[in-house]
Amino acid sequence: MRVLLNICEEYSKEFSVAFDAVTSVCVQVSKVSQSSVVDLQFTVEGRSLNFVKKCTHLGHIISARLDDKCDIVSRKTLCVAKLTMYWCTLANVILW
């Protein structure tokens, strides 16, 4: 992983691309215990990357356990919220 991050840093210098370590995170993906995360440390542009158990990328939730549960729950919640909003809007239109 360190080698890949070094390649990215060299690329960014060559092509004037900036990688933001503040908004970047690292997810160690595994089906087993996450205890080894503490020993790992990666940097981008001299700043340490934070390890997280889940993050959002392009609108999808990526979890360290390789399951879609968080993403599915998020999508269901969004769907219920939209349906409730449409129902309330329709109820207001019909009543008035």
PDB file of N, CA and C in Angstrom:
ATOM      1  N   MET A   1       0.828  -1.186   0.000  1.00  0.00           N
ATOM      2  CA  MET A   1       0.000   0.000   0.000  1.00  0.00           C
ATOM      3  C   MET A   1       0.877   1.257   0.000  1.00  0.00           C
ATOM      4  N   ARG A   2       1.948   1.221   0.765  1.00  0.00           N
ATOM      5  CA  ARG A   2       2.846   2.384   0.808  1.00  0.00           C
ATOM      6  C   ARG A   2       3.452   2.667  -0.563  1.00  0.00           C
ATOM      7  N   VAL A   3       3.777   1.600  -1.292  1.00  0.00           N
ATOM      8  CA  VAL A   3       4.341   1.757  -2.639  1.00  0.00           C
ATOM      9  C   VAL A   3       3.322   2.438  -3.555  1.00  0.00           C
ATOM     10  N   LEU A   4       2.073   2.011  -3.472  1.00  0.00           N
ATOM     11  CA  LEU A   4       1.024   2.607  -4.304  1.00  0.00           C
ATOM     12  C   LEU A   4       0.797   4.082  -3.951  1.00  0.00           C
ATOM     13  N   LEU A   5       0.830   4.399  -2.665  1.00  0.00           N
ATOM     14  CA  LEU A   5       0.665   5.796  -2.260  1.00  0.00           C
ATOM     15  C   LEU A   5       1.832   6.652  -2.738  1.00  0.00           C
ATOM     16  N   ASN A   6       3.037   6.089  -2.727  1.00  0.00           N
ATOM     17  CA  ASN A   6       4.206   6.821  -3.249  1.00  0.00           C
ATOM     18  C   ASN A   6       4.067   7.082  -4.741  1.00  0.00           C
ATOM     19  N   ILE A   7       3.542   6.101  -5.480  1.00  0.00           N
ATOM     20  CA  ILE A   7       3.298   6.277  -6.921  1.00  0.00           C
ATOM     21  C   ILE A   7       2.287   7.403  -7.131  1.00  0.00           C
ATOM     22  N   CYS A   8       1.239   7.433  -6.305  1.00  0.00           N
ATOM     23  CA  CYS A   8       0.232   8.499  -6.424  1.00  0.00           C
ATOM     24  C   CYS A   8       0.835   9.868  -6.144  1.00  0.00           C
ATOM     25  N   GLU A   9       1.704   9.947  -5.143  1.00  0.00           N
ATOM     26  CA  GLU A   9       2.340  11.226  -4.836  1.00  0.00           C
ATOM     27  C   GLU A   9       3.242  11.689  -5.977  1.00  0.00           C
ATOM     28  N   GLU A  10       3.985  10.776  -6.590  1.00  0.00           N
ATOM     29  CA  GLU A  10       4.834  11.128  -7.729  1.00  0.00           C
ATOM     30  C   GLU A  10       3.984  11.589  -8.907  1.00  0.00           C
ATOM     31  N   TYR A  11       2.879  10.897  -9.152  1.00  0.00           N
ATOM     32  CA  TYR A  11       1.949  11.263 -10.223  1.00  0.00           C
ATOM     33  C   TYR A  11       1.402  12.666  -9.977  1.00  0.00           C
ATOM     34  N   SER A  12       1.035  12.941  -8.709  1.00  0.00           N
ATOM     35  CA  SER A  12       0.448  14.247  -8.401  1.00  0.00           C
ATOM     36  C   SER A  12       1.442  15.378  -8.635  1.00  0.00           C
ATOM     37  N   LYS A  13       2.712  15.133  -8.337  1.00  0.00           N
ATOM     38  CA  LYS A  13       3.726  16.157  -8.579  1.00  0.00           C
ATOM     39  C   LYS A  13       3.944  16.371 -10.071  1.00  0.00           C
ATOM     40  N   GLU A  14       3.950  15.273 -10.830  1.00  0.00           N
ATOM     41  CA  GLU A  14       4.208  15.362 -12.270  1.00  0.00           C
ATOM     42  C   GLU A  14       3.073  16.035 -13.022  1.00  0.00           C
ATOM     43  N   PHE A  15       1.819  15.773 -12.609  1.00  0.00           N
ATOM     44  CA  PHE A  15       0.666  16.272 -13.347  1.00  0.00           C
ATOM     45  C   PHE A  15      -0.126  17.339 -12.583  1.00  0.00           C
ATOM     46  N   SER A  16       0.461  17.900 -11.545  1.00  0.00           N
ATOM     47  CA  SER A  16      -0.174  18.965 -10.761  1.00  0.00           C
ATOM     48  C   SER A  16      -1.560  18.574 -10.246  1.00  0.00           C
ATOM     49  N   VAL A  17      -1.632  17.395  -9.664  1.00  0.00           N
ATOM     50  CA  VAL A  17      -2.865  16.893  -9.064  1.00  0.00           C
ATOM     51  C   VAL A  17      -2.663  16.888  -7.554  1.00  0.00           C
ATOM     52  N   ALA A  18      -3.684  17.281  -6.808  1.00  0.00           N
ATOM     53  CA  ALA A  18      -3.573  17.312  -5.351  1.00  0.00           C
ATOM     54  C   ALA A  18      -4.424  16.210  -4.736  1.00  0.00           C
ATOM     55  N   PHE A  19      -3.842  15.468  -3.810  1.00  0.00           N
ATOM     56  CA  PHE A  19      -4.578  14.485  -3.027  1.00  0.00           C
ATOM     57  C   PHE A  19      -4.801  15.074  -1.646  1.00  0.00           C
ATOM     58  N   ASP A  20      -6.028  15.041  -1.182  1.00  0.00           N
ATOM     59  CA  ASP A  20      -6.386  15.666   0.086  1.00  0.00           C
ATOM     60  C   ASP A  20      -6.420  14.622   1.197  1.00  0.00           C
ATOM     61  N   ALA A  21      -5.411  14.616   2.038  1.00  0.00           N
ATOM     62  CA  ALA A  21      -5.333  13.655   3.135  1.00  0.00           C
ATOM     63  C   ALA A  21      -6.384  13.933   4.210  1.00  0.00           C
ATOM     64  N   VAL A  22      -6.895  15.157   4.252  1.00  0.00           N
ATOM     65  CA  VAL A  22      -7.899  15.495   5.251  1.00  0.00           C
ATOM     66  C   VAL A  22      -9.210  14.764   4.961  1.00  0.00           C
ATOM     67  N   THR A  23      -9.592  14.681   3.687  1.00  0.00           N
ATOM     68  CA  THR A  23     -10.854  14.017   3.333  1.00  0.00           C
ATOM     69  C   THR A  23     -10.658  12.564   2.918  1.00  0.00           C
ATOM     70  N   SER A  24      -9.425  12.119   2.789  1.00  0.00           N
ATOM     71  CA  SER A  24      -9.154  10.733   2.418  1.00  0.00           C
ATOM     72  C   SER A  24      -9.112   9.860   3.664  1.00  0.00           C
ATOM     73  N   VAL A  25      -9.601   8.642   3.528  1.00  0.00           N
ATOM     74  CA  VAL A  25      -9.581   7.685   4.636  1.00  0.00           C
ATOM     75  C   VAL A  25      -9.100   6.339   4.123  1.00  0.00           C
ATOM     76  N   CYS A  26      -8.799   5.467   5.047  1.00  0.00           N
ATOM     77  CA  CYS A  26      -8.338   4.132   4.708  1.00  0.00           C
ATOM     78  C   CYS A  26      -9.278   3.122   5.369  1.00  0.00           C
ATOM     79  N   VAL A  27      -9.745   2.139   4.615  1.00  0.00           N
ATOM     80  CA  VAL A  27     -10.603   1.086   5.140  1.00  0.00           C
ATOM     81  C   VAL A  27      -9.877  -0.229   4.942  1.00  0.00           C
ATOM     82  N   GLN A  28      -9.611  -0.930   6.035  1.00  0.00           N
ATOM     83  CA  GLN A  28      -9.014  -2.253   5.924  1.00  0.00           C
ATOM     84  C   GLN A  28     -10.155  -3.248   5.788  1.00  0.00           C
ATOM     85  N   VAL A  29     -10.265  -3.861   4.623  1.00  0.00           N
ATOM     86  CA  VAL A  29     -11.367  -4.755   4.319  1.00  0.00           C
ATOM     87  C   VAL A  29     -10.978  -6.171   4.710  1.00  0.00           C
ATOM     88  N   SER A  30     -11.827  -6.790   5.543  1.00  0.00           N
ATOM     89  CA  SER A  30     -11.528  -8.134   6.017  1.00  0.00           C
ATOM     90  C   SER A  30     -12.790  -8.776   6.582  1.00  0.00           C
ATOM     91  N   LYS A  31     -12.883 -10.089   6.471  1.00  0.00           N
ATOM     92  CA  LYS A  31     -13.990 -10.824   7.064  1.00  0.00           C
ATOM     93  C   LYS A  31     -13.686 -11.191   8.513  1.00  0.00           C
ATOM     94  N   VAL A  32     -12.441 -11.011   8.950  1.00  0.00           N
ATOM     95  CA  VAL A  32     -12.043 -11.370  10.315  1.00  0.00           C
ATOM     96  C   VAL A  32     -11.876 -10.119  11.166  1.00  0.00           C
ATOM     97  N   SER A  33     -11.360 -10.284  12.374  1.00  0.00           N
ATOM     98  CA  SER A  33     -11.198  -9.189  13.329  1.00  0.00           C
ATOM     99  C   SER A  33     -10.390  -8.038  12.746  1.00  0.00           C
ATOM    100  N   GLN A  34     -10.731  -6.818  13.155  1.00  0.00           N
ATOM    101  CA  GLN A  34     -10.060  -5.616  12.675  1.00  0.00           C
ATOM    102  C   GLN A  34      -8.960  -5.142  13.626  1.00  0.00           C
ATOM    103  N   SER A  35      -8.434  -6.015  14.470  1.00  0.00           N
ATOM    104  CA  SER A  35      -7.469  -5.597  15.482  1.00  0.00           C
ATOM    105  C   SER A  35      -6.135  -5.145  14.891  1.00  0.00           C
ATOM    106  N   SER A  36      -5.788  -5.593  13.689  1.00  0.00           N
ATOM    107  CA  SER A  36      -4.494  -5.234  13.110  1.00  0.00           C
ATOM    108  C   SER A  36      -4.452  -3.826  12.533  1.00  0.00           C
ATOM    109  N   VAL A  37      -5.581  -3.144  12.494  1.00  0.00           N
ATOM    110  CA  VAL A  37      -5.636  -1.788  11.947  1.00  0.00           C
ATOM    111  C   VAL A  37      -4.756  -0.842  12.748  1.00  0.00           C
ATOM    112  N   VAL A  38      -4.645  -1.028  14.029  1.00  0.00           N
ATOM    113  CA  VAL A  38      -3.904  -0.125  14.899  1.00  0.00           C
ATOM    114  C   VAL A  38      -2.436  -0.039  14.489  1.00  0.00           C
ATOM    115  N   ASP A  39      -1.875  -1.135  13.990  1.00  0.00           N
ATOM    116  CA  ASP A  39      -0.449  -1.172  13.658  1.00  0.00           C
ATOM    117  C   ASP A  39      -0.112  -0.491  12.331  1.00  0.00           C
ATOM    118  N   LEU A  40      -1.084  -0.214  11.497  1.00  0.00           N
ATOM    119  CA  LEU A  40      -0.825   0.340  10.176  1.00  0.00           C
ATOM    120  C   LEU A  40      -0.856   1.867  10.203  1.00  0.00           C
ATOM    121  N   GLN A  41       0.027   2.468   9.417  1.00  0.00           N
ATOM    122  CA  GLN A  41       0.053   3.927   9.311  1.00  0.00           C
ATOM    123  C   GLN A  41       0.452   4.311   7.888  1.00  0.00           C
ATOM    124  N   PHE A  42      -0.417   5.038   7.201  1.00  0.00           N
ATOM    125  CA  PHE A  42      -0.138   5.484   5.839  1.00  0.00           C
ATOM    126  C   PHE A  42      -0.227   7.003   5.784  1.00  0.00           C
ATOM    127  N   THR A  43       0.565   7.601   4.906  1.00  0.00           N
ATOM    128  CA  THR A  43       0.534   9.051   4.749  1.00  0.00           C
ATOM    129  C   THR A  43       0.346   9.421   3.283  1.00  0.00           C
ATOM    130  N   VAL A  44      -0.277  10.564   3.064  1.00  0.00           N
ATOM    131  CA  VAL A  44      -0.427  11.166   1.743  1.00  0.00           C
ATOM    132  C   VAL A  44      -0.052  12.626   1.898  1.00  0.00           C
ATOM    133  N   GLU A  45       0.873  13.080   1.068  1.00  0.00           N
ATOM    134  CA  GLU A  45       1.341  14.464   1.131  1.00  0.00           C
ATOM    135  C   GLU A  45       1.837  14.819   2.543  1.00  0.00           C
ATOM    136  N   GLY A  46       2.415  13.837   3.231  1.00  0.00           N
ATOM    137  CA  GLY A  46       2.957  14.072   4.561  1.00  0.00           C
ATOM    138  C   GLY A  46       1.945  14.037   5.689  1.00  0.00           C
ATOM    139  N   ARG A  47       0.684  13.782   5.382  1.00  0.00           N
ATOM    140  CA  ARG A  47      -0.362  13.736   6.406  1.00  0.00           C
ATOM    141  C   ARG A  47      -0.857  12.304   6.573  1.00  0.00           C
ATOM    142  N   SER A  48      -1.109  11.923   7.805  1.00  0.00           N
ATOM    143  CA  SER A  48      -1.574  10.564   8.101  1.00  0.00           C
ATOM    144  C   SER A  48      -3.015  10.358   7.655  1.00  0.00           C
ATOM    145  N   LEU A  49      -3.290   9.165   7.140  1.00  0.00           N
ATOM    146  CA  LEU A  49      -4.655   8.796   6.772  1.00  0.00           C
ATOM    147  C   LEU A  49      -5.336   8.157   7.977  1.00  0.00           C
ATOM    148  N   ASN A  50      -6.585   8.510   8.198  1.00  0.00           N
ATOM    149  CA  ASN A  50      -7.368   7.912   9.273  1.00  0.00           C
ATOM    150  C   ASN A  50      -7.955   6.583   8.813  1.00  0.00           C
ATOM    151  N   PHE A  51      -7.999   5.602   9.708  1.00  0.00           N
ATOM    152  CA  PHE A  51      -8.658   4.336   9.430  1.00  0.00           C
ATOM    153  C   PHE A  51     -10.093   4.408   9.930  1.00  0.00           C
ATOM    154  N   VAL A  52     -11.013   3.960   9.093  1.00  0.00           N
ATOM    155  CA  VAL A  52     -12.435   3.946   9.439  1.00  0.00           C
ATOM    156  C   VAL A  52     -13.013   2.579   9.138  1.00  0.00           C
ATOM    157  N   LYS A  53     -14.156   2.267   9.749  1.00  0.00           N
ATOM    158  CA  LYS A  53     -14.800   0.982   9.507  1.00  0.00           C
ATOM    159  C   LYS A  53     -15.745   1.038   8.311  1.00  0.00           C
ATOM    160  N   LYS A  54     -16.174   2.263   7.951  1.00  0.00           N
ATOM    161  CA  LYS A  54     -17.000   2.431   6.756  1.00  0.00           C
ATOM    162  C   LYS A  54     -16.836   3.850   6.245  1.00  0.00           C
ATOM    163  N   CYS A  55     -17.045   4.003   4.937  1.00  0.00           N
ATOM    164  CA  CYS A  55     -16.962   5.322   4.325  1.00  0.00           C
ATOM    165  C   CYS A  55     -17.892   5.355   3.113  1.00  0.00           C
ATOM    166  N   THR A  56     -18.150   6.541   2.637  1.00  0.00           N
ATOM    167  CA  THR A  56     -18.994   6.705   1.453  1.00  0.00           C
ATOM    168  C   THR A  56     -18.111   7.055   0.262  1.00  0.00           C
ATOM    169  N   HIS A  57     -18.320   6.334  -0.841  1.00  0.00           N
ATOM    170  CA  HIS A  57     -17.578   6.597  -2.067  1.00  0.00           C
ATOM    171  C   HIS A  57     -18.547   6.541  -3.234  1.00  0.00           C
ATOM    172  N   LEU A  58     -18.648   7.637  -3.958  1.00  0.00           N
ATOM    173  CA  LEU A  58     -19.565   7.763  -5.096  1.00  0.00           C
ATOM    174  C   LEU A  58     -20.994   7.378  -4.714  1.00  0.00           C
ATOM    175  N   GLY A  59     -21.400   7.770  -3.498  1.00  0.00           N
ATOM    176  CA  GLY A  59     -22.767   7.538  -3.056  1.00  0.00           C
ATOM    177  C   GLY A  59     -23.033   6.179  -2.450  1.00  0.00           C
ATOM    178  N   HIS A  60     -22.048   5.309  -2.395  1.00  0.00           N
ATOM    179  CA  HIS A  60     -22.231   3.978  -1.820  1.00  0.00           C
ATOM    180  C   HIS A  60     -21.399   3.839  -0.559  1.00  0.00           C
ATOM    181  N   ILE A  61     -21.930   3.100   0.407  1.00  0.00           N
ATOM    182  CA  ILE A  61     -21.223   2.892   1.662  1.00  0.00           C
ATOM    183  C   ILE A  61     -20.360   1.648   1.537  1.00  0.00           C
ATOM    184  N   ILE A  62     -19.060   1.825   1.760  1.00  0.00           N
ATOM    185  CA  ILE A  62     -18.112   0.716   1.735  1.00  0.00           C
ATOM    186  C   ILE A  62     -17.777   0.391   3.183  1.00  0.00           C
ATOM    187  N   SER A  63     -18.000  -0.867   3.580  1.00  0.00           N
ATOM    188  CA  SER A  63     -17.722  -1.251   4.964  1.00  0.00           C
ATOM    189  C   SER A  63     -16.548  -2.220   5.019  1.00  0.00           C
ATOM    190  N   ALA A  64     -15.909  -2.253   6.161  1.00  0.00           N
ATOM    191  CA  ALA A  64     -14.742  -3.107   6.360  1.00  0.00           C
ATOM    192  C   ALA A  64     -15.110  -4.591   6.367  1.00  0.00           C
ATOM    193  N   ARG A  65     -16.378  -4.914   6.551  1.00  0.00           N
ATOM    194  CA  ARG A  65     -16.793  -6.313   6.617  1.00  0.00           C
ATOM    195  C   ARG A  65     -17.255  -6.867   5.261  1.00  0.00           C
ATOM    196  N   LEU A  66     -17.121  -6.082   4.218  1.00  0.00           N
ATOM    197  CA  LEU A  66     -17.482  -6.513   2.856  1.00  0.00           C
ATOM    198  C   LEU A  66     -18.954  -6.891   2.707  1.00  0.00           C
ATOM    199  N   ASP A  67     -19.825  -6.231   3.475  1.00  0.00           N
ATOM    200  CA  ASP A  67     -21.246  -6.494   3.293  1.00  0.00           C
ATOM    201  C   ASP A  67     -21.952  -5.224   2.829  1.00  0.00           C
ATOM    202  N   ASP A  68     -23.158  -5.382   2.343  1.00  0.00           N
ATOM    203  CA  ASP A  68     -23.922  -4.252   1.822  1.00  0.00           C
ATOM    204  C   ASP A  68     -24.987  -3.765   2.795  1.00  0.00           C
ATOM    205  N   LYS A  69     -24.963  -4.265   4.022  1.00  0.00           N
ATOM    206  CA  LYS A  69     -26.020  -3.953   4.971  1.00  0.00           C
ATOM    207  C   LYS A  69     -26.182  -2.450   5.182  1.00  0.00           C
ATOM    208  N   CYS A  70     -25.095  -1.747   5.435  1.00  0.00           N
ATOM    209  CA  CYS A  70     -25.170  -0.295   5.670  1.00  0.00           C
ATOM    210  C   CYS A  70     -25.724   0.438   4.454  1.00  0.00           C
ATOM    211  N   ASP A  71     -25.299   0.037   3.263  1.00  0.00           N
ATOM    212  CA  ASP A  71     -25.754   0.684   2.034  1.00  0.00           C
ATOM    213  C   ASP A  71     -27.243   0.423   1.814  1.00  0.00           C
ATOM    214  N   ILE A  72     -27.684  -0.799   2.069  1.00  0.00           N
ATOM    215  CA  ILE A  72     -29.095  -1.148   1.884  1.00  0.00           C
ATOM    216  C   ILE A  72     -29.974  -0.391   2.864  1.00  0.00           C
ATOM    217  N   VAL A  73     -29.559  -0.322   4.135  1.00  0.00           N
ATOM    218  CA  VAL A  73     -30.326   0.416   5.136  1.00  0.00           C
ATOM    219  C   VAL A  73     -30.402   1.895   4.759  1.00  0.00           C
ATOM    220  N   SER A  74     -29.306   2.449   4.292  1.00  0.00           N
ATOM    221  CA  SER A  74     -29.287   3.852   3.876  1.00  0.00           C
ATOM    222  C   SER A  74     -30.248   4.090   2.721  1.00  0.00           C
ATOM    223  N   ARG A  75     -30.236   3.196   1.738  1.00  0.00           N
ATOM    224  CA  ARG A  75     -31.136   3.350   0.580  1.00  0.00           C
ATOM    225  C   ARG A  75     -32.596   3.200   0.988  1.00  0.00           C
ATOM    226  N   LYS A  76     -32.892   2.259   1.887  1.00  0.00           N
ATOM    227  CA  LYS A  76     -34.272   2.084   2.358  1.00  0.00           C
ATOM    228  C   LYS A  76     -34.749   3.332   3.086  1.00  0.00           C
ATOM    229  N   THR A  77     -33.887   3.893   3.945  1.00  0.00           N
ATOM    230  CA  THR A  77     -34.241   5.100   4.687  1.00  0.00           C
ATOM    231  C   THR A  77     -34.512   6.261   3.734  1.00  0.00           C
ATOM    232  N   LEU A  78     -33.661   6.411   2.729  1.00  0.00           N
ATOM    233  CA  LEU A  78     -33.851   7.466   1.737  1.00  0.00           C
ATOM    234  C   LEU A  78     -35.162   7.274   0.980  1.00  0.00           C
ATOM    235  N   CYS A  79     -35.480   6.047   0.628  1.00  0.00           N
ATOM    236  CA  CYS A  79     -36.720   5.749  -0.096  1.00  0.00           C
ATOM    237  C   CYS A  79     -37.943   6.085   0.757  1.00  0.00           C
ATOM    238  N   VAL A  80     -37.927   5.685   2.031  1.00  0.00           N
ATOM    239  CA  VAL A  80     -39.045   5.982   2.930  1.00  0.00           C
ATOM    240  C   VAL A  80     -39.204   7.491   3.098  1.00  0.00           C
ATOM    241  N   ALA A  81     -38.090   8.202   3.232  1.00  0.00           N
ATOM    242  CA  ALA A  81     -38.155   9.660   3.384  1.00  0.00           C
ATOM    243  C   ALA A  81     -38.770  10.311   2.148  1.00  0.00           C
ATOM    244  N   LYS A  82     -38.366   9.844   0.968  1.00  0.00           N
ATOM    245  CA  LYS A  82     -38.921  10.419  -0.268  1.00  0.00           C
ATOM    246  C   LYS A  82     -40.401  10.102  -0.404  1.00  0.00           C
ATOM    247  N   LEU A  83     -40.787   8.857  -0.100  1.00  0.00           N
ATOM    248  CA  LEU A  83     -42.202   8.485  -0.181  1.00  0.00           C
ATOM    249  C   LEU A  83     -43.035   9.295   0.804  1.00  0.00           C
ATOM    250  N   THR A  84     -42.522   9.525   2.003  1.00  0.00           N
ATOM    251  CA  THR A  84     -43.235  10.326   3.004  1.00  0.00           C
ATOM    252  C   THR A  84     -43.396  11.763   2.510  1.00  0.00           C
ATOM    253  N   MET A  85     -42.336  12.301   1.920  1.00  0.00           N
ATOM    254  CA  MET A  85     -42.400  13.667   1.408  1.00  0.00           C
ATOM    255  C   MET A  85     -43.456  13.773   0.295  1.00  0.00           C
ATOM    256  N   TYR A  86     -43.470  12.808  -0.625  1.00  0.00           N
ATOM    257  CA  TYR A  86     -44.452  12.836  -1.714  1.00  0.00           C
ATOM    258  C   TYR A  86     -45.864  12.666  -1.184  1.00  0.00           C
ATOM    259  N   TRP A  87     -46.030  11.796  -0.187  1.00  0.00           N
ATOM    260  CA  TRP A  87     -47.345  11.561   0.380  1.00  0.00           C
ATOM    261  C   TRP A  87     -47.865  12.833   1.048  1.00  0.00           C
ATOM    262  N   CYS A  88     -46.989  13.507   1.813  1.00  0.00           N
ATOM    263  CA  CYS A  88     -47.393  14.757   2.472  1.00  0.00           C
ATOM    264  C   CYS A  88     -47.738  15.833   1.449  1.00  0.00           C
ATOM    265  N   THR A  89     -46.959  15.906   0.388  1.00  0.00           N
ATOM    266  CA  THR A  89     -47.227  16.885  -0.668  1.00  0.00           C
ATOM    267  C   THR A  89     -48.558  16.590  -1.347  1.00  0.00           C
ATOM    268  N   LEU A  90     -48.804  15.333  -1.636  1.00  0.00           N
ATOM    269  CA  LEU A  90     -50.063  14.934  -2.271  1.00  0.00           C
ATOM    270  C   LEU A  90     -51.236  15.199  -1.348  1.00  0.00           C
ATOM    271  N   ALA A  91     -51.094  14.905  -0.061  1.00  0.00           N
ATOM    272  CA  ALA A  91     -52.164  15.148   0.912  1.00  0.00           C
ATOM    273  C   ALA A  91     -52.488  16.632   0.993  1.00  0.00           C
ATOM    274  N   ASN A  92     -51.472  17.488   0.956  1.00  0.00           N
ATOM    275  CA  ASN A  92     -51.693  18.933   0.991  1.00  0.00           C
ATOM    276  C   ASN A  92     -52.410  19.420  -0.270  1.00  0.00           C
ATOM    277  N   VAL A  93     -52.061  18.871  -1.417  1.00  0.00           N
ATOM    278  CA  VAL A  93     -52.700  19.268  -2.666  1.00  0.00           C
ATOM    279  C   VAL A  93     -54.158  18.850  -2.681  1.00  0.00           C
ATOM    280  N   ILE A  94     -54.446  17.636  -2.215  1.00  0.00           N
ATOM    281  CA  ILE A  94     -55.822  17.126  -2.234  1.00  0.00           C
ATOM    282  C   ILE A  94     -56.686  17.914  -1.239  1.00  0.00           C
ATOM    283  N   LEU A  95     -56.134  18.244  -0.073  1.00  0.00           N
ATOM    284  CA  LEU A  95     -56.917  18.970   0.936  1.00  0.00           C
ATOM    285  C   LEU A  95     -57.218  20.398   0.516  1.00  0.00           C
ATOM    286  N   TRP A  96     -56.346  21.012  -0.251  1.00  0.00           N
ATOM    287  CA  TRP A  96     -56.566  22.395  -0.646  1.00  0.00           C
ATOM    288  C   TRP A  96     -57.235  22.407  -1.955  1.00  0.00           C
TER     289      TRP A  96
END
